[in-house]
Each structure stands twice: as C-alpha cells, then as structure tokens.
C-alpha cells in the first residue's frame, strides 16, 4: 500500500467532512443569505448537499483504491 496515495484519498475525504461541519457551525440555515439579481441564496442549502456529495464521492474513491490495493 502506498502511503502517498492513501493520504491523498484521506485528505480529499477530510475536505468534504470539514466543509460540511464548517457549514453547520458557521452558516446555519437562515443565518446568512446573498442577494442575487432576482432572489437570495442561503449558503447552507447550497453547501450542505455539495459537501455531502463530495464526501460520498471521495469515500467511494478511497474504498475502490483500498479494494484494488488489497487484491494485489
């Protein structure tokens, strides 16, 4: 198992979790909003699904990489 590949995947996974936790702590629903031309955007509802999706995507990538290295 290569340590640099493992750390790459683990760091990417950590980024998704960190963005999710930071969104919960610092941009809770209704606390902030940005006015765009016609409507306002609450970053909570934008960042939460994106960070969860990124975490799942990188977690699947880590799992696939780990499964491939175990079989070799």
N, C-alpha and C. Protein backbone atom coordinates (compact mmCIF):
# COMPACT_ATOMS: atom_id res chain seq x y z
N UNK A 1 0.85 -1.17 0.00
CA UNK A 1 0.00 0.00 0.00
C UNK A 1 0.90 1.24 0.00
N UNK A 2 0.58 2.17 -0.86
CA UNK A 2 1.39 3.38 -0.95
C UNK A 2 0.81 4.45 -0.03
N UNK A 3 1.67 4.99 0.81
CA UNK A 3 1.22 5.97 1.80
C UNK A 3 0.78 7.28 1.15
N UNK A 4 1.45 7.69 0.07
CA UNK A 4 1.08 8.96 -0.55
C UNK A 4 -0.30 8.88 -1.19
N UNK A 5 -0.65 7.76 -1.80
CA UNK A 5 -1.99 7.59 -2.35
C UNK A 5 -3.05 7.57 -1.25
N UNK A 6 -2.73 6.89 -0.17
CA UNK A 6 -3.66 6.82 0.95
C UNK A 6 -3.92 8.21 1.54
N UNK A 7 -2.84 8.98 1.74
CA UNK A 7 -3.00 10.32 2.28
C UNK A 7 -3.75 11.24 1.33
N UNK A 8 -3.57 11.05 0.02
CA UNK A 8 -4.30 11.84 -0.98
C UNK A 8 -5.80 11.60 -0.84
N UNK A 9 -6.19 10.33 -0.79
CA UNK A 9 -7.61 10.00 -0.67
C UNK A 9 -8.17 10.45 0.69
N UNK A 10 -7.41 10.25 1.73
CA UNK A 10 -7.87 10.63 3.07
C UNK A 10 -8.01 12.15 3.20
N UNK A 11 -7.11 12.90 2.60
CA UNK A 11 -7.21 14.36 2.63
C UNK A 11 -8.44 14.84 1.88
N UNK A 12 -8.71 14.27 0.73
CA UNK A 12 -9.91 14.65 -0.02
C UNK A 12 -11.17 14.35 0.77
N UNK A 13 -11.20 13.22 1.42
CA UNK A 13 -12.34 12.86 2.26
C UNK A 13 -12.49 13.86 3.41
N UNK A 14 -11.37 14.25 3.99
CA UNK A 14 -11.39 15.22 5.09
C UNK A 14 -11.89 16.59 4.67
N UNK A 15 -11.61 16.98 3.44
CA UNK A 15 -12.09 18.28 2.94
C UNK A 15 -13.62 18.29 2.92
N UNK A 16 -14.23 17.23 2.43
CA UNK A 16 -15.69 17.17 2.39
C UNK A 16 -16.31 17.23 3.77
N UNK A 17 -15.73 16.50 4.70
CA UNK A 17 -16.25 16.50 6.08
C UNK A 17 -16.04 17.87 6.72
N UNK A 18 -14.90 18.48 6.48
CA UNK A 18 -14.61 19.80 7.05
C UNK A 18 -15.57 20.87 6.53
N UNK A 19 -15.85 20.86 5.25
CA UNK A 19 -16.78 21.84 4.68
C UNK A 19 -18.17 21.62 5.25
N UNK A 20 -18.57 20.37 5.42
CA UNK A 20 -19.88 20.07 6.00
C UNK A 20 -19.98 20.59 7.43
N UNK A 21 -18.99 20.30 8.25
CA UNK A 21 -19.01 20.74 9.65
C UNK A 21 -18.93 22.26 9.74
N UNK A 22 -18.10 22.88 8.94
CA UNK A 22 -17.99 24.34 8.96
C UNK A 22 -19.30 24.98 8.52
N UNK A 23 -19.98 24.37 7.57
CA UNK A 23 -21.28 24.89 7.14
C UNK A 23 -22.28 24.82 8.27
N UNK A 24 -22.29 23.72 8.99
CA UNK A 24 -23.22 23.59 10.12
C UNK A 24 -22.91 24.59 11.22
N UNK A 25 -21.62 24.83 11.47
CA UNK A 25 -21.25 25.72 12.56
C UNK A 25 -21.38 27.20 12.22
N UNK A 26 -20.98 27.57 11.02
CA UNK A 26 -20.86 29.00 10.70
C UNK A 26 -21.91 29.53 9.73
N UNK A 27 -22.63 28.68 9.07
CA UNK A 27 -23.64 29.14 8.12
C UNK A 27 -24.93 28.37 8.32
N UNK A 28 -25.41 28.35 9.54
CA UNK A 28 -26.64 27.60 9.83
C UNK A 28 -27.80 28.16 9.01
N UNK A 29 -28.85 27.37 8.81
CA UNK A 29 -29.94 27.81 7.95
C UNK A 29 -30.57 29.12 8.43
N UNK A 30 -30.69 30.05 7.51
CA UNK A 30 -31.32 31.32 7.81
C UNK A 30 -30.41 32.37 8.42
N UNK A 31 -29.16 32.01 8.74
CA UNK A 31 -28.28 32.99 9.38
C UNK A 31 -27.65 33.96 8.37
N UNK A 32 -27.43 33.51 7.16
CA UNK A 32 -26.83 34.34 6.12
C UNK A 32 -27.57 34.12 4.81
N UNK A 33 -27.56 35.12 3.99
CA UNK A 33 -28.09 34.97 2.64
C UNK A 33 -27.45 36.01 1.74
N UNK A 34 -27.33 35.67 0.48
CA UNK A 34 -26.74 36.56 -0.51
C UNK A 34 -27.80 36.90 -1.54
N UNK A 35 -27.95 38.18 -1.77
CA UNK A 35 -28.94 38.62 -2.76
C UNK A 35 -28.33 38.55 -4.16
N UNK A 36 -28.99 37.80 -4.99
CA UNK A 36 -28.64 37.72 -6.40
C UNK A 36 -29.72 38.52 -7.13
N UNK A 37 -29.57 38.77 -8.37
CA UNK A 37 -30.42 39.70 -9.11
C UNK A 37 -31.90 39.58 -8.74
N UNK A 38 -32.47 38.39 -8.78
CA UNK A 38 -33.90 38.23 -8.57
C UNK A 38 -34.23 37.60 -7.21
N UNK A 39 -33.34 36.80 -6.67
CA UNK A 39 -33.65 36.06 -5.45
C UNK A 39 -32.43 36.06 -4.53
N UNK A 40 -32.61 35.54 -3.32
CA UNK A 40 -31.49 35.42 -2.38
C UNK A 40 -31.14 33.95 -2.18
N UNK A 41 -29.87 33.71 -1.94
CA UNK A 41 -29.36 32.34 -1.79
C UNK A 41 -28.85 32.18 -0.37
N UNK A 42 -29.29 31.13 0.29
CA UNK A 42 -28.78 30.78 1.60
C UNK A 42 -27.66 29.76 1.38
N UNK A 43 -26.41 30.06 1.79
CA UNK A 43 -25.30 29.15 1.51
C UNK A 43 -25.45 27.78 2.17
N UNK A 44 -26.22 27.69 3.24
CA UNK A 44 -26.42 26.40 3.89
C UNK A 44 -27.02 25.38 2.93
N UNK A 45 -28.05 25.82 2.20
CA UNK A 45 -28.75 24.90 1.31
C UNK A 45 -27.96 24.62 0.03
N UNK A 46 -26.92 25.36 -0.22
CA UNK A 46 -26.05 25.12 -1.35
C UNK A 46 -24.86 24.25 -0.95
N UNK A 47 -24.23 24.59 0.18
CA UNK A 47 -23.01 23.90 0.60
C UNK A 47 -23.26 22.53 1.23
N UNK A 48 -24.36 22.37 1.93
CA UNK A 48 -24.62 21.09 2.59
C UNK A 48 -24.74 19.93 1.61
N UNK A 49 -25.59 20.00 0.59
CA UNK A 49 -25.66 18.85 -0.33
C UNK A 49 -24.38 18.68 -1.14
N UNK A 50 -23.71 19.78 -1.48
CA UNK A 50 -22.46 19.64 -2.23
C UNK A 50 -21.37 18.97 -1.40
N UNK A 51 -21.26 19.34 -0.12
CA UNK A 51 -20.23 18.73 0.71
C UNK A 51 -20.54 17.27 1.02
N UNK A 52 -21.81 16.94 1.20
CA UNK A 52 -22.18 15.53 1.41
C UNK A 52 -21.90 14.71 0.16
N UNK A 53 -22.24 15.25 -1.00
CA UNK A 53 -21.98 14.54 -2.26
C UNK A 53 -20.48 14.37 -2.48
N UNK A 54 -19.68 15.40 -2.20
CA UNK A 54 -18.23 15.31 -2.36
C UNK A 54 -17.63 14.29 -1.39
N UNK A 55 -18.13 14.28 -0.16
CA UNK A 55 -17.64 13.31 0.83
C UNK A 55 -17.96 11.89 0.38
N UNK A 56 -19.16 11.65 -0.10
CA UNK A 56 -19.52 10.31 -0.58
C UNK A 56 -18.69 9.92 -1.79
N UNK A 57 -18.49 10.85 -2.70
CA UNK A 57 -17.71 10.58 -3.91
C UNK A 57 -16.26 10.23 -3.57
N UNK A 58 -15.64 11.01 -2.68
CA UNK A 58 -14.26 10.72 -2.30
C UNK A 58 -14.17 9.47 -1.42
N UNK A 59 -15.20 9.21 -0.63
CA UNK A 59 -15.23 7.98 0.17
C UNK A 59 -15.30 6.75 -0.72
N UNK A 60 -16.09 6.82 -1.76
CA UNK A 60 -16.16 5.71 -2.72
C UNK A 60 -14.83 5.54 -3.43
N UNK A 61 -14.18 6.66 -3.77
CA UNK A 61 -12.86 6.59 -4.41
C UNK A 61 -11.83 5.96 -3.49
N UNK A 62 -11.88 6.30 -2.20
CA UNK A 62 -10.98 5.68 -1.22
C UNK A 62 -11.26 4.20 -1.11
N UNK A 63 -12.51 3.81 -1.05
CA UNK A 63 -12.88 2.40 -0.94
C UNK A 63 -12.41 1.61 -2.16
N UNK A 64 -12.61 2.17 -3.36
CA UNK A 64 -12.16 1.48 -4.58
C UNK A 64 -10.65 1.34 -4.61
N UNK A 65 -9.94 2.41 -4.22
CA UNK A 65 -8.48 2.35 -4.20
C UNK A 65 -8.01 1.31 -3.19
N UNK A 66 -8.60 1.29 -2.01
CA UNK A 66 -8.21 0.33 -0.99
C UNK A 66 -8.52 -1.10 -1.42
N UNK A 67 -9.65 -1.31 -2.08
CA UNK A 67 -10.01 -2.65 -2.55
C UNK A 67 -9.05 -3.12 -3.63
N UNK A 68 -8.62 -2.22 -4.51
CA UNK A 68 -7.68 -2.59 -5.57
C UNK A 68 -6.31 -2.91 -5.01
N UNK A 69 -5.85 -2.21 -3.99
CA UNK A 69 -4.52 -2.48 -3.43
C UNK A 69 -4.51 -3.76 -2.60
N UNK A 70 -5.64 -4.13 -2.03
CA UNK A 70 -5.70 -5.37 -1.26
C UNK A 70 -5.59 -6.60 -2.14
N UNK A 71 -6.10 -6.52 -3.37
CA UNK A 71 -6.09 -7.69 -4.24
C UNK A 71 -4.73 -7.91 -4.90
N UNK A 72 -3.86 -6.92 -4.85
CA UNK A 72 -2.54 -7.06 -5.50
C UNK A 72 -1.52 -7.66 -4.60
